[in-house]
PDB file of N, CA and C in Angstrom:
ATOM      1  N   MET A   1     -10.266 -10.148  -9.122  1.00  0.00           N
ATOM      2  CA  MET A   1      -8.841 -10.310  -8.983  1.00  0.00           C
ATOM      3  C   MET A   1      -8.564 -11.267  -7.820  1.00  0.00           C
ATOM      4  N   VAL A   2      -7.570 -12.109  -7.991  1.00  0.00           N
ATOM      5  CA  VAL A   2      -7.185 -13.076  -6.963  1.00  0.00           C
ATOM      6  C   VAL A   2      -6.060 -12.475  -6.130  1.00  0.00           C
ATOM      7  N   VAL A   3      -6.179 -12.605  -4.801  1.00  0.00           N
ATOM      8  CA  VAL A   3      -5.165 -12.081  -3.892  1.00  0.00           C
ATOM      9  C   VAL A   3      -4.732 -13.171  -2.920  1.00  0.00           C
ATOM     10  N   ILE A   4      -3.511 -13.050  -2.445  1.00  0.00           N
ATOM     11  CA  ILE A   4      -3.013 -13.920  -1.384  1.00  0.00           C
ATOM     12  C   ILE A   4      -2.919 -13.042  -0.153  1.00  0.00           C
ATOM     13  N   ARG A   5      -3.698 -13.373   0.868  1.00  0.00           N
ATOM     14  CA  ARG A   5      -3.799 -12.516   2.039  1.00  0.00           C
ATOM     15  C   ARG A   5      -3.976 -13.344   3.301  1.00  0.00           C
ATOM     16  N   LEU A   6      -4.034 -12.645   4.441  1.00  0.00           N
ATOM     17  CA  LEU A   6      -4.223 -13.311   5.716  1.00  0.00           C
ATOM     18  C   LEU A   6      -5.703 -13.369   6.067  1.00  0.00           C
ATOM     19  N   ALA A   7      -6.125 -14.503   6.630  1.00  0.00           N
ATOM     20  CA  ALA A   7      -7.474 -14.656   7.162  1.00  0.00           C
ATOM     21  C   ALA A   7      -7.322 -14.932   8.654  1.00  0.00           C
ATOM     22  N   ARG A   8      -7.921 -14.106   9.482  1.00  0.00           N
ATOM     23  CA  ARG A   8      -7.706 -14.210  10.927  1.00  0.00           C
ATOM     24  C   ARG A   8      -8.534 -15.325  11.536  1.00  0.00           C
ATOM     25  N   GLY A   9      -7.906 -16.007  12.464  1.00  0.00           N
ATOM     26  CA  GLY A   9      -8.584 -17.031  13.252  1.00  0.00           C
ATOM     27  C   GLY A   9      -8.116 -16.883  14.684  1.00  0.00           C
ATOM     28  N   GLY A  10      -8.326 -17.893  15.479  1.00  0.00           N
ATOM     29  CA  GLY A  10      -7.899 -17.835  16.871  1.00  0.00           C
ATOM     30  C   GLY A  10      -8.920 -17.125  17.731  1.00  0.00           C
ATOM     31  N   SER A  11      -8.604 -17.046  18.983  1.00  0.00           N
ATOM     32  CA  SER A  11      -9.532 -16.430  19.922  1.00  0.00           C
ATOM     33  C   SER A  11      -9.099 -15.001  20.245  1.00  0.00           C
ATOM     34  N   LYS A  12      -9.853 -14.377  21.105  1.00  0.00           N
ATOM     35  CA  LYS A  12      -9.555 -13.010  21.509  1.00  0.00           C
ATOM     36  C   LYS A  12      -8.176 -12.950  22.159  1.00  0.00           C
ATOM     37  N   LYS A  13      -7.365 -11.995  21.754  1.00  0.00           N
ATOM     38  CA  LYS A  13      -6.013 -11.772  22.254  1.00  0.00           C
ATOM     39  C   LYS A  13      -5.028 -12.896  21.901  1.00  0.00           C
ATOM     40  N   ARG A  14      -5.433 -13.872  21.078  1.00  0.00           N
ATOM     41  CA  ARG A  14      -4.567 -14.969  20.644  1.00  0.00           C
ATOM     42  C   ARG A  14      -4.716 -15.150  19.137  1.00  0.00           C
ATOM     43  N   PRO A  15      -4.182 -14.219  18.330  1.00  0.00           N
ATOM     44  CA  PRO A  15      -4.410 -14.287  16.890  1.00  0.00           C
ATOM     45  C   PRO A  15      -3.701 -15.472  16.236  1.00  0.00           C
ATOM     46  N   PHE A  16      -4.306 -15.961  15.183  1.00  0.00           N
ATOM     47  CA  PHE A  16      -3.738 -17.009  14.329  1.00  0.00           C
ATOM     48  C   PHE A  16      -4.223 -16.685  12.931  1.00  0.00           C
ATOM     49  N   TYR A  17      -3.315 -16.681  11.978  1.00  0.00           N
ATOM     50  CA  TYR A  17      -3.674 -16.281  10.625  1.00  0.00           C
ATOM     51  C   TYR A  17      -3.402 -17.409   9.637  1.00  0.00           C
ATOM     52  N   ASN A  18      -4.370 -17.681   8.782  1.00  0.00           N
ATOM     53  CA  ASN A  18      -4.166 -18.567   7.656  1.00  0.00           C
ATOM     54  C   ASN A  18      -3.778 -17.718   6.456  1.00  0.00           C
ATOM     55  N   ILE A  19      -2.811 -18.193   5.693  1.00  0.00           N
ATOM     56  CA  ILE A  19      -2.435 -17.516   4.454  1.00  0.00           C
ATOM     57  C   ILE A  19      -3.245 -18.184   3.358  1.00  0.00           C
ATOM     58  N   VAL A  20      -4.150 -17.419   2.746  1.00  0.00           N
ATOM     59  CA  VAL A  20      -5.098 -17.994   1.797  1.00  0.00           C
ATOM     60  C   VAL A  20      -5.057 -17.273   0.462  1.00  0.00           C
ATOM     61  N   VAL A  21      -5.449 -18.008  -0.569  1.00  0.00           N
ATOM     62  CA  VAL A  21      -5.656 -17.450  -1.902  1.00  0.00           C
ATOM     63  C   VAL A  21      -7.161 -17.252  -2.027  1.00  0.00           C
ATOM     64  N   ALA A  22      -7.587 -16.025  -2.289  1.00  0.00           N
ATOM     65  CA  ALA A  22      -9.016 -15.726  -2.323  1.00  0.00           C
ATOM     66  C   ALA A  22      -9.332 -14.693  -3.389  1.00  0.00           C
ATOM     67  N   GLU A  23     -10.582 -14.656  -3.766  1.00  0.00           N
ATOM     68  CA  GLU A  23     -11.073 -13.602  -4.644  1.00  0.00           C
ATOM     69  C   GLU A  23     -11.117 -12.318  -3.806  1.00  0.00           C
ATOM     70  N   SER A  24     -10.677 -11.212  -4.372  1.00  0.00           N
ATOM     71  CA  SER A  24     -10.574  -9.969  -3.603  1.00  0.00           C
ATOM     72  C   SER A  24     -11.923  -9.460  -3.110  1.00  0.00           C
ATOM     73  N   ARG A  25     -13.003  -9.846  -3.763  1.00  0.00           N
ATOM     74  CA  ARG A  25     -14.330  -9.366  -3.363  1.00  0.00           C
ATOM     75  C   ARG A  25     -14.917 -10.137  -2.184  1.00  0.00           C
ATOM     76  N   GLU A  26     -14.303 -11.272  -1.833  1.00  0.00           N
ATOM     77  CA  GLU A  26     -14.788 -12.054  -0.689  1.00  0.00           C
ATOM     78  C   GLU A  26     -14.368 -11.396   0.620  1.00  0.00           C
ATOM     79  N   ARG A  27     -15.100 -11.721   1.684  1.00  0.00           N
ATOM     80  CA  ARG A  27     -14.769 -11.178   3.003  1.00  0.00           C
ATOM     81  C   ARG A  27     -13.403 -11.679   3.468  1.00  0.00           C
ATOM     82  N   ARG A  28     -12.811 -10.964   4.381  1.00  0.00           N
ATOM     83  CA  ARG A  28     -11.477 -11.315   4.875  1.00  0.00           C
ATOM     84  C   ARG A  28     -11.421 -12.754   5.394  1.00  0.00           C
ATOM     85  N   ASP A  29     -12.385 -13.144   6.194  1.00  0.00           N
ATOM     86  CA  ASP A  29     -12.403 -14.486   6.780  1.00  0.00           C
ATOM     87  C   ASP A  29     -13.402 -15.392   6.070  1.00  0.00           C
ATOM     88  N   GLY A  30     -13.836 -14.993   4.882  1.00  0.00           N
ATOM     89  CA  GLY A  30     -14.853 -15.753   4.164  1.00  0.00           C
ATOM     90  C   GLY A  30     -14.272 -16.846   3.298  1.00  0.00           C
ATOM     91  N   ARG A  31     -14.959 -17.085   2.196  1.00  0.00           N
ATOM     92  CA  ARG A  31     -14.589 -18.172   1.297  1.00  0.00           C
ATOM     93  C   ARG A  31     -13.229 -17.908   0.654  1.00  0.00           C
ATOM     94  N   PHE A  32     -12.452 -18.977   0.493  1.00  0.00           N
ATOM     95  CA  PHE A  32     -11.150 -18.861  -0.154  1.00  0.00           C
ATOM     96  C   PHE A  32     -10.960 -20.012  -1.129  1.00  0.00           C
ATOM     97  N   ILE A  33      -9.985 -19.870  -2.015  1.00  0.00           N
ATOM     98  CA  ILE A  33      -9.716 -20.870  -3.034  1.00  0.00           C
ATOM     99  C   ILE A  33      -8.786 -21.951  -2.488  1.00  0.00           C
ATOM    100  N   GLU A  34      -7.711 -21.527  -1.843  1.00  0.00           N
ATOM    101  CA  GLU A  34      -6.716 -22.483  -1.338  1.00  0.00           C
ATOM    102  C   GLU A  34      -5.994 -21.900  -0.139  1.00  0.00           C
ATOM    103  N   ARG A  35      -5.690 -22.751   0.838  1.00  0.00           N
ATOM    104  CA  ARG A  35      -4.887 -22.360   1.999  1.00  0.00           C
ATOM    105  C   ARG A  35      -3.447 -22.746   1.696  1.00  0.00           C
ATOM    106  N   VAL A  36      -2.531 -21.779   1.747  1.00  0.00           N
ATOM    107  CA  VAL A  36      -1.143 -22.044   1.378  1.00  0.00           C
ATOM    108  C   VAL A  36      -0.181 -21.923   2.557  1.00  0.00           C
ATOM    109  N   GLY A  37      -0.694 -21.722   3.757  1.00  0.00           N
ATOM    110  CA  GLY A  37       0.183 -21.660   4.915  1.00  0.00           C
ATOM    111  C   GLY A  37      -0.510 -21.031   6.103  1.00  0.00           C
ATOM    112  N   PHE A  38       0.286 -20.785   7.142  1.00  0.00           N
ATOM    113  CA  PHE A  38      -0.243 -20.117   8.326  1.00  0.00           C
ATOM    114  C   PHE A  38       0.839 -19.273   8.969  1.00  0.00           C
ATOM    115  N   TYR A  39       0.392 -18.338   9.819  1.00  0.00           N
ATOM    116  CA  TYR A  39       1.280 -17.465  10.581  1.00  0.00           C
ATOM    117  C   TYR A  39       0.733 -17.364  11.993  1.00  0.00           C
ATOM    118  N   ASN A  40       1.573 -17.721  12.969  1.00  0.00           N
ATOM    119  CA  ASN A  40       1.176 -17.667  14.368  1.00  0.00           C
ATOM    120  C   ASN A  40       2.098 -16.675  15.079  1.00  0.00           C
ATOM    121  N   PRO A  41       1.669 -15.415  15.228  1.00  0.00           N
ATOM    122  CA  PRO A  41       2.554 -14.399  15.804  1.00  0.00           C
ATOM    123  C   PRO A  41       2.837 -14.591  17.291  1.00  0.00           C
ATOM    124  N   VAL A  42       2.056 -15.403  17.994  1.00  0.00           N
ATOM    125  CA  VAL A  42       2.270 -15.617  19.427  1.00  0.00           C
ATOM    126  C   VAL A  42       2.807 -17.019  19.708  1.00  0.00           C
ATOM    127  N   ALA A  43       3.464 -17.632  18.736  1.00  0.00           N
ATOM    128  CA  ALA A  43       4.032 -18.969  18.927  1.00  0.00           C
ATOM    129  C   ALA A  43       5.134 -18.910  19.976  1.00  0.00           C
ATOM    130  N   SER A  44       5.175 -19.933  20.810  1.00  0.00           N
ATOM    131  CA  SER A  44       6.212 -20.009  21.825  1.00  0.00           C
ATOM    132  C   SER A  44       6.675 -21.458  21.954  1.00  0.00           C
ATOM    133  N   GLY A  45       7.869 -21.623  22.418  1.00  0.00           N
ATOM    134  CA  GLY A  45       8.393 -22.959  22.614  1.00  0.00           C
ATOM    135  C   GLY A  45       8.619 -23.681  21.299  1.00  0.00           C
ATOM    136  N   ALA A  46       8.094 -24.899  21.211  1.00  0.00           N
ATOM    137  CA  ALA A  46       8.298 -25.729  20.022  1.00  0.00           C
ATOM    138  C   ALA A  46       7.271 -25.450  18.926  1.00  0.00           C
ATOM    139  N   GLU A  47       6.345 -24.534  19.161  1.00  0.00           N
ATOM    140  CA  GLU A  47       5.337 -24.220  18.141  1.00  0.00           C
ATOM    141  C   GLU A  47       5.996 -23.559  16.947  1.00  0.00           C
ATOM    142  N   GLN A  48       5.468 -23.875  15.789  1.00  0.00           N
ATOM    143  CA  GLN A  48       6.008 -23.310  14.547  1.00  0.00           C
ATOM    144  C   GLN A  48       5.306 -21.981  14.260  1.00  0.00           C
ATOM    145  N   PRO A  49       6.056 -20.870  14.147  1.00  0.00           N
ATOM    146  CA  PRO A  49       5.401 -19.574  13.940  1.00  0.00           C
ATOM    147  C   PRO A  49       4.959 -19.313  12.506  1.00  0.00           C
ATOM    148  N   LEU A  50       5.602 -19.961  11.525  1.00  0.00           N
ATOM    149  CA  LEU A  50       5.301 -19.658  10.133  1.00  0.00           C
ATOM    150  C   LEU A  50       5.519 -20.889   9.273  1.00  0.00           C
ATOM    151  N   ARG A  51       4.546 -21.178   8.429  1.00  0.00           N
ATOM    152  CA  ARG A  51       4.700 -22.235   7.428  1.00  0.00           C
ATOM    153  C   ARG A  51       4.060 -21.740   6.145  1.00  0.00           C
ATOM    154  N   VAL A  52       4.824 -21.791   5.058  1.00  0.00           N
ATOM    155  CA  VAL A  52       4.336 -21.326   3.764  1.00  0.00           C
ATOM    156  C   VAL A  52       4.711 -22.356   2.706  1.00  0.00           C
ATOM    157  N   ALA A  53       3.757 -22.737   1.874  1.00  0.00           N
ATOM    158  CA  ALA A  53       4.028 -23.603   0.729  1.00  0.00           C
ATOM    159  C   ALA A  53       4.521 -22.698  -0.399  1.00  0.00           C
ATOM    160  N   LEU A  54       5.831 -22.521  -0.462  1.00  0.00           N
ATOM    161  CA  LEU A  54       6.420 -21.557  -1.397  1.00  0.00           C
ATOM    162  C   LEU A  54       6.130 -21.900  -2.850  1.00  0.00           C
ATOM    163  N   GLU A  55       6.076 -23.197  -3.187  1.00  0.00           N
ATOM    164  CA  GLU A  55       5.795 -23.561  -4.575  1.00  0.00           C
ATOM    165  C   GLU A  55       4.371 -23.181  -4.978  1.00  0.00           C
ATOM    166  N   ARG A  56       3.417 -23.278  -4.047  1.00  0.00           N
ATOM    167  CA  ARG A  56       2.035 -22.879  -4.355  1.00  0.00           C
ATOM    168  C   ARG A  56       1.917 -21.356  -4.455  1.00  0.00           C
ATOM    169  N   VAL A  57       2.641 -20.639  -3.606  1.00  0.00           N
ATOM    170  CA  VAL A  57       2.627 -19.170  -3.674  1.00  0.00           C
ATOM    171  C   VAL A  57       3.216 -18.714  -5.004  1.00  0.00           C
ATOM    172  N   SER A  58       4.322 -19.332  -5.420  1.00  0.00           N
ATOM    173  CA  SER A  58       4.924 -18.933  -6.693  1.00  0.00           C
ATOM    174  C   SER A  58       4.011 -19.296  -7.865  1.00  0.00           C
ATOM    175  N   TYR A  59       3.286 -20.422  -7.763  1.00  0.00           N
ATOM    176  CA  TYR A  59       2.330 -20.766  -8.820  1.00  0.00           C
ATOM    177  C   TYR A  59       1.246 -19.702  -8.928  1.00  0.00           C
ATOM    178  N   TRP A  60       0.632 -19.344  -7.790  1.00  0.00           N
ATOM    179  CA  TRP A  60      -0.454 -18.362  -7.823  1.00  0.00           C
ATOM    180  C   TRP A  60       0.043 -16.996  -8.268  1.00  0.00           C
ATOM    181  N   ALA A  61       1.243 -16.612  -7.835  1.00  0.00           N
ATOM    182  CA  ALA A  61       1.801 -15.331  -8.281  1.00  0.00           C
ATOM    183  C   ALA A  61       2.072 -15.379  -9.786  1.00  0.00           C
ATOM    184  N   GLY A  62       2.444 -16.547 -10.282  1.00  0.00           N
ATOM    185  CA  GLY A  62       2.708 -16.699 -11.709  1.00  0.00           C
ATOM    186  C   GLY A  62       1.473 -16.581 -12.579  1.00  0.00           C
ATOM    187  N   VAL A  63       0.314 -16.935 -12.025  1.00  0.00           N
ATOM    188  CA  VAL A  63      -0.921 -16.824 -12.803  1.00  0.00           C
ATOM    189  C   VAL A  63      -1.661 -15.514 -12.524  1.00  0.00           C
ATOM    190  N   GLY A  64      -1.003 -14.593 -11.798  1.00  0.00           N
ATOM    191  CA  GLY A  64      -1.556 -13.253 -11.665  1.00  0.00           C
ATOM    192  C   GLY A  64      -2.086 -12.860 -10.310  1.00  0.00           C
ATOM    193  N   ALA A  65      -1.941 -13.699  -9.294  1.00  0.00           N
ATOM    194  CA  ALA A  65      -2.432 -13.337  -7.958  1.00  0.00           C
ATOM    195  C   ALA A  65      -1.531 -12.263  -7.354  1.00  0.00           C
ATOM    196  N   GLN A  66      -2.142 -11.326  -6.648  1.00  0.00           N
ATOM    197  CA  GLN A  66      -1.409 -10.251  -5.987  1.00  0.00           C
ATOM    198  C   GLN A  66      -1.195 -10.613  -4.520  1.00  0.00           C
ATOM    199  N   LEU A  67       0.020 -10.417  -4.005  1.00  0.00           N
ATOM    200  CA  LEU A  67       0.305 -10.659  -2.596  1.00  0.00           C
ATOM    201  C   LEU A  67       0.039  -9.385  -1.805  1.00  0.00           C
ATOM    202  N   SER A  68      -0.589  -9.528  -0.643  1.00  0.00           N
ATOM    203  CA  SER A  68      -0.749  -8.368   0.224  1.00  0.00           C
ATOM    204  C   SER A  68       0.625  -8.007   0.774  1.00  0.00           C
ATOM    205  N   PRO A  69       0.832  -6.780   1.236  1.00  0.00           N
ATOM    206  CA  PRO A  69       2.153  -6.400   1.755  1.00  0.00           C
ATOM    207  C   PRO A  69       2.633  -7.284   2.906  1.00  0.00           C
ATOM    208  N   THR A  70       1.739  -7.644   3.803  1.00  0.00           N
ATOM    209  CA  THR A  70       2.121  -8.488   4.931  1.00  0.00           C
ATOM    210  C   THR A  70       2.497  -9.884   4.469  1.00  0.00           C
ATOM    211  N   VAL A  71       1.736 -10.443   3.544  1.00  0.00           N
ATOM    212  CA  VAL A  71       2.048 -11.774   3.031  1.00  0.00           C
ATOM    213  C   VAL A  71       3.368 -11.747   2.268  1.00  0.00           C
ATOM    214  N   ALA A  72       3.640 -10.692   1.533  1.00  0.00           N
ATOM    215  CA  ALA A  72       4.914 -10.583   0.821  1.00  0.00           C
ATOM    216  C   ALA A  72       6.079 -10.597   1.815  1.00  0.00           C
ATOM    217  N   ARG A  73       5.924  -9.909   2.930  1.00  0.00           N
ATOM    218  CA  ARG A  73       6.965  -9.892   3.969  1.00  0.00           C
ATOM    219  C   ARG A  73       7.140 -11.286   4.572  1.00  0.00           C
ATOM    220  N   LEU A  74       6.039 -11.988   4.837  1.00  0.00           N
ATOM    221  CA  LEU A  74       6.114 -13.328   5.416  1.00  0.00           C
ATOM    222  C   LEU A  74       6.728 -14.326   4.447  1.00  0.00           C
ATOM    223  N   VAL A  75       6.415 -14.198   3.167  1.00  0.00           N
ATOM    224  CA  VAL A  75       6.992 -15.094   2.160  1.00  0.00           C
ATOM    225  C   VAL A  75       8.501 -14.871   2.084  1.00  0.00           C
ATOM    226  N   ASP A  76       8.947 -13.620   2.160  1.00  0.00           N
ATOM    227  CA  ASP A  76      10.384 -13.337   2.166  1.00  0.00           C
ATOM    228  C   ASP A  76      11.056 -13.970   3.386  1.00  0.00           C
ATOM    229  N   GLN A  77      10.402 -13.898   4.550  1.00  0.00           N
ATOM    230  CA  GLN A  77      10.941 -14.532   5.752  1.00  0.00           C
ATOM    231  C   GLN A  77      11.048 -16.039   5.560  1.00  0.00           C
ATOM    232  N   ALA A  78      10.032 -16.653   4.966  1.00  0.00           N
ATOM    233  CA  ALA A  78      10.031 -18.096   4.761  1.00  0.00           C
ATOM    234  C   ALA A  78      11.129 -18.504   3.785  1.00  0.00           C
ATOM    235  N   LYS A  79      11.340 -17.695   2.754  1.00  0.00           N
ATOM    236  CA  LYS A  79      12.408 -17.995   1.789  1.00  0.00           C
ATOM    237  C   LYS A  79      13.774 -17.931   2.459  1.00  0.00           C
ATOM    238  N   LYS A  80      13.986 -16.932   3.307  1.00  0.00           N
ATOM    239  CA  LYS A  80      15.263 -16.811   4.009  1.00  0.00           C
ATOM    240  C   LYS A  80      15.469 -17.983   4.963  1.00  0.00           C
ATOM    241  N   ALA A  81      14.402 -18.411   5.625  1.00  0.00           N
ATOM    242  CA  ALA A  81      14.511 -19.528   6.569  1.00  0.00           C
ATOM    243  C   ALA A  81      14.827 -20.829   5.844  1.00  0.00           C
ATOM    244  N   THR A  82      14.203 -21.070   4.691  1.00  0.00           N
ATOM    245  CA  THR A  82      14.487 -22.305   3.963  1.00  0.00           C
ATOM    246  C   THR A  82      15.855 -22.254   3.297  1.00  0.00           C
ATOM    247  N   ALA A  83      16.308 -21.072   2.896  1.00  0.00           N
ATOM    248  CA  ALA A  83      17.637 -20.954   2.298  1.00  0.00           C
ATOM    249  C   ALA A  83      18.715 -21.233   3.345  1.00  0.00           C
ATOM    250  N   GLY A  84      18.464 -20.862   4.575  1.00  0.00           N
ATOM    251  CA  GLY A  84      19.422 -21.121   5.646  1.00  0.00           C
ATOM    252  C   GLY A  84      19.467 -22.583   6.044  1.00  0.00           C
ATOM    253  N   GLN A  85      18.371 -23.324   5.878  1.00  0.00           N
ATOM    254  CA  GLN A  85      18.320 -24.727   6.262  1.00  0.00           C
ATOM    255  C   GLN A  85      18.827 -25.648   5.161  1.00  0.00           C
ATOM    256  N   ALA A  86      18.728 -25.240   3.908  1.00  0.00           N
ATOM    257  CA  ALA A  86      19.090 -26.118   2.793  1.00  0.00           C
ATOM    258  C   ALA A  86      20.555 -26.545   2.824  1.00  0.00           C
ATOM    259  N   PRO A  87      21.538 -25.659   3.052  1.00  0.00           N
ATOM    260  CA  PRO A  87      22.926 -26.119   3.091  1.00  0.00           C
ATOM    261  C   PRO A  87      23.185 -27.097   4.234  1.00  0.00           C
ATOM    262  N   ALA A  88      22.542 -26.914   5.369  1.00  0.00           N
ATOM    263  CA  ALA A  88      22.744 -27.814   6.497  1.00  0.00           C
ATOM    264  C   ALA A  88      22.185 -29.209   6.160  1.00  0.00           C
ATOM    265  N   ALA A  89      21.052 -29.271   5.499  1.00  0.00           N
ATOM    266  CA  ALA A  89      20.458 -30.549   5.126  1.00  0.00           C
ATOM    267  C   ALA A  89      21.316 -31.231   4.068  1.00  0.00           C
ATOM    268  N   ALA A  90      21.844 -30.475   3.120  1.00  0.00           N
ATOM    269  CA  ALA A  90      22.694 -31.049   2.077  1.00  0.00           C
ATOM    270  C   ALA A  90      24.003 -31.562   2.667  1.00  0.00           C
ATOM    271  N   ALA A  91      24.535 -30.884   3.673  1.00  0.00           N
ATOM    272  CA  ALA A  91      25.785 -31.311   4.298  1.00  0.00           C
ATOM    273  C   ALA A  91      25.575 -32.579   5.128  1.00  0.00           C
ATOM    274  N   ALA A  92      24.384 -32.773   5.675  1.00  0.00           N
ATOM    275  CA  ALA A  92      24.102 -33.944   6.505  1.00  0.00           C
ATOM    276  C   ALA A  92      23.951 -35.206   5.660  1.00  0.00           C
ATOM    277  N   GLU A  93      23.483 -35.085   4.427  1.00  0.00           N
ATOM    278  CA  GLU A  93      23.270 -36.256   3.586  1.00  0.00           C
ATOM    279  C   GLU A  93      24.558 -36.990   3.256  1.00  0.00           C
ATOM    280  N   PRO A  94      25.661 -36.336   2.826  1.00  0.00           N
ATOM    281  CA  PRO A  94      26.883 -37.072   2.546  1.00  0.00           C
ATOM    282  C   PRO A  94      27.454 -37.747   3.797  1.00  0.00           C
ATOM    283  N   ALA A  95      27.308 -37.114   4.958  1.00  0.00           N
ATOM    284  CA  ALA A  95      27.809 -37.717   6.180  1.00  0.00           C
ATOM    285  C   ALA A  95      27.026 -38.975   6.525  1.00  0.00           C
ATOM    286  N   ALA A  96      25.732 -38.954   6.293  1.00  0.00           N
ATOM    287  CA  ALA A  96      24.896 -40.130   6.550  1.00  0.00           C
ATOM    288  C   ALA A  96      25.227 -41.254   5.569  1.00  0.00           C
ATOM    289  N   ALA A  97      25.514 -40.905   4.323  1.00  0.00           N
ATOM    290  CA  ALA A  97      25.862 -41.909   3.319  1.00  0.00           C
ATOM    291  C   ALA A  97      27.228 -42.531   3.619  1.00  0.00           C
ATOM    292  N   ALA A  98      28.158 -41.740   4.142  1.00  0.00           N
ATOM    293  CA  ALA A  98      29.489 -42.246   4.457  1.00  0.00           C
ATOM    294  C   ALA A  98      29.454 -43.172   5.671  1.00  0.00           C
ATOM    295  N   ALA A  99      28.513 -42.949   6.582  1.00  0.00           N
ATOM    296  CA  ALA A  99      28.400 -43.774   7.777  1.00  0.00           C
ATOM    297  C   ALA A  99      27.898 -45.171   7.457  1.00  0.00           C
ATOM    298  N   GLU A 100      27.193 -45.337   6.338  1.00  0.00           N
ATOM    299  CA  GLU A 100      26.661 -46.653   5.961  1.00  0.00           C
ATOM    300  C   GLU A 100      27.704 -47.458   5.412  1.00  0.00           C
TER     301      GLU A 100
END
């Protein structure tokens, strides 16, 4: 079975997680099929705490991959963040076109 889960990286006391598509029988930090994002729980300043390729996650979920509970929560956060940014980006485009 294919799962979308977190693979831990980073150093001691400084976790960094890759969001990966992997066979469920592989080790947590072992071989994976595709990396679809990352999660940095200790991001500060201008560092990006979460990046998810939502179209790749939806593709893998569509072909039967199971999301771990934590990844499902992170994907929901990413969807909310992109939904909040989309109207602002759409509103900026007409203003830029009118300025030309």
